[in-house]
Protein backbone atom coordinates (compact mmCIF):
# COMPACT_ATOMS: atom_id res chain seq x y z
CA MET A 1 4.57 20.12 29.15
CA GLU A 2 0.99 19.26 30.01
CA LYS A 3 0.46 16.44 32.49
CA PHE A 4 -1.42 13.28 31.61
CA ILE A 5 -2.36 11.73 34.94
CA SER A 6 -2.88 8.00 35.55
CA SER A 7 -5.40 6.47 37.94
CA CYS A 8 -2.87 6.58 40.81
CA GLY A 9 -1.46 10.00 39.98
CA LEU A 10 1.67 9.15 38.01
CA ASP A 11 2.30 11.47 35.07
CA CYS A 12 1.97 9.37 31.91
CA ALA A 13 3.33 12.24 29.83
CA THR A 14 6.77 11.50 31.28
CA CYS A 15 6.50 7.69 31.12
CA ASN A 16 8.88 5.98 28.71
CA ALA A 17 6.31 3.31 27.84
CA ARG A 18 3.83 5.92 26.62
CA ILE A 19 6.55 7.98 24.93
CA ALA A 20 7.86 4.87 23.12
CA THR A 21 4.32 3.96 22.03
CA LEU A 22 3.48 7.42 20.71
CA SER A 23 6.79 7.76 18.85
CA ASP A 24 7.01 4.06 17.89
CA ASP A 25 10.55 4.04 19.31
CA ASP A 26 11.83 0.46 19.51
CA ASP A 27 15.13 1.54 21.08
CA LEU A 28 13.25 3.22 23.94
CA ARG A 29 11.08 0.10 24.29
CA GLU A 30 14.24 -2.01 24.68
CA LYS A 31 15.73 0.40 27.20
CA THR A 32 12.50 0.62 29.22
CA ALA A 33 12.02 -3.16 29.23
CA ALA A 34 15.55 -3.67 30.55
CA GLU A 35 15.16 -0.99 33.23
CA TRP A 36 11.76 -2.21 34.39
CA SER A 37 12.85 -5.85 34.38
CA ALA A 38 15.69 -4.98 36.74
CA GLN A 39 13.68 -2.52 38.84
CA PHE A 40 10.66 -4.77 39.35
CA GLN A 41 12.49 -8.11 39.18
CA ALA A 42 10.22 -9.21 36.37
CA SER A 43 10.59 -10.48 32.84
CA ILE A 44 9.50 -7.53 30.71
CA THR A 45 10.20 -7.57 27.00
CA ALA A 46 10.28 -4.72 24.51
CA ASP A 47 7.14 -6.00 22.77
CA MET A 48 5.29 -5.51 26.08
CA ILE A 49 6.15 -1.79 26.11
CA ASN A 50 3.01 -0.39 24.49
CA CYS A 51 0.80 1.96 26.44
CA LEU A 52 -1.27 5.09 25.99
CA GLY A 53 -2.02 5.47 29.70
CA CYS A 54 -4.04 3.36 32.12
CA ARG A 55 -7.11 5.57 31.88
CA GLN A 56 -7.43 4.56 28.23
CA ASN A 57 -9.22 1.43 27.13
CA ASP A 58 -7.19 0.45 24.11
CA VAL A 59 -3.36 0.24 24.12
CA LEU A 60 -2.29 -0.66 27.65
CA PHE A 61 0.83 -2.08 29.23
CA GLY A 62 0.01 -5.67 30.23
CA HIS A 63 0.19 -4.99 33.96
CA CYS A 64 -2.59 -2.41 33.71
CA PHE A 65 -5.19 -5.15 33.40
CA GLU A 66 -3.98 -6.62 36.70
CA CYS A 67 -3.39 -3.33 38.51
CA GLU A 68 -5.40 -3.26 41.73
CA ILE A 69 -5.47 0.53 41.72
CA ARG A 70 -6.81 0.79 38.17
CA ASN A 71 -9.37 -1.94 38.88
CA CYS A 72 -10.50 -0.19 42.07
CA VAL A 73 -10.90 3.15 40.27
CA LYS A 74 -12.92 1.50 37.49
CA SER A 75 -15.11 -0.41 39.97
CA LYS A 76 -16.02 2.90 41.64
CA ASN A 77 -16.65 4.62 38.27
CA PHE A 78 -13.96 7.21 39.01
CA ASP A 79 -11.43 8.66 36.59
CA THR A 80 -8.66 8.70 39.22
CA CYS A 81 -8.07 7.98 42.89
CA GLY A 82 -8.36 11.72 43.48
CA GLU A 83 -12.14 11.34 43.49
CA CYS A 84 -12.08 8.80 46.33
CA SER A 85 -12.70 9.85 49.94
CA GLU A 86 -10.26 7.13 51.08
CA ILE A 87 -7.24 8.57 49.24
CA ASP A 88 -5.33 9.48 52.41
CA GLY A 89 -5.54 6.05 54.03
CA CYS A 90 -5.45 3.84 50.94
CA SER A 91 -3.07 0.90 51.30
CA LEU A 92 -2.96 0.46 47.52
CA LEU A 93 -1.74 4.01 46.89
CA ALA A 94 0.63 4.31 49.85
CA PRO A 95 3.62 2.53 48.22
CA ILE A 96 3.40 4.62 45.06
CA HIS A 97 2.97 7.89 46.89
CA GLN A 98 5.84 7.00 49.23
CA TYR A 99 8.26 6.70 46.30
CA VAL A 100 6.63 9.26 44.00
CA PRO A 101 5.07 11.91 46.27
CA GLU A 102 4.24 14.15 43.32
CA ALA A 103 1.73 11.49 42.21
CA LYS A 104 -0.51 12.32 45.17
CA GLN A 105 -0.17 16.03 44.44
CA ASN A 106 -1.12 15.37 40.81
CA LEU A 107 -4.35 13.75 42.03
CA LEU A 108 -5.10 16.60 44.41
CA ASP A 109 -4.43 19.15 41.65
CA LEU A 110 -6.97 17.38 39.40
CA ILE A 111 -9.82 17.78 41.89
CA HIS A 112 -9.07 21.37 42.91
């Protein structure tokens, strides 16, 4: 499967929000909303699970508009954090890369 990398390096091709959007799968939206609500201690509903990836400008998960990483990337006119010289010391990326180390490798793979 080809990767579809987000601003921070997560692989959108494996994300249930994007998969549910592309396949218009309401059951997967419900499941994802329940999982994310518990995981992030937030109130996420199935109707919020619509996303084509944060590097797109049209169908985005609501949080994408607030995402500090996405906003930083856009403010620097980059496609991803992989283009930034501060990637190794970035306090915004550190939590994601701590829990999903392959996200950093995805970014490095994009620029090499």
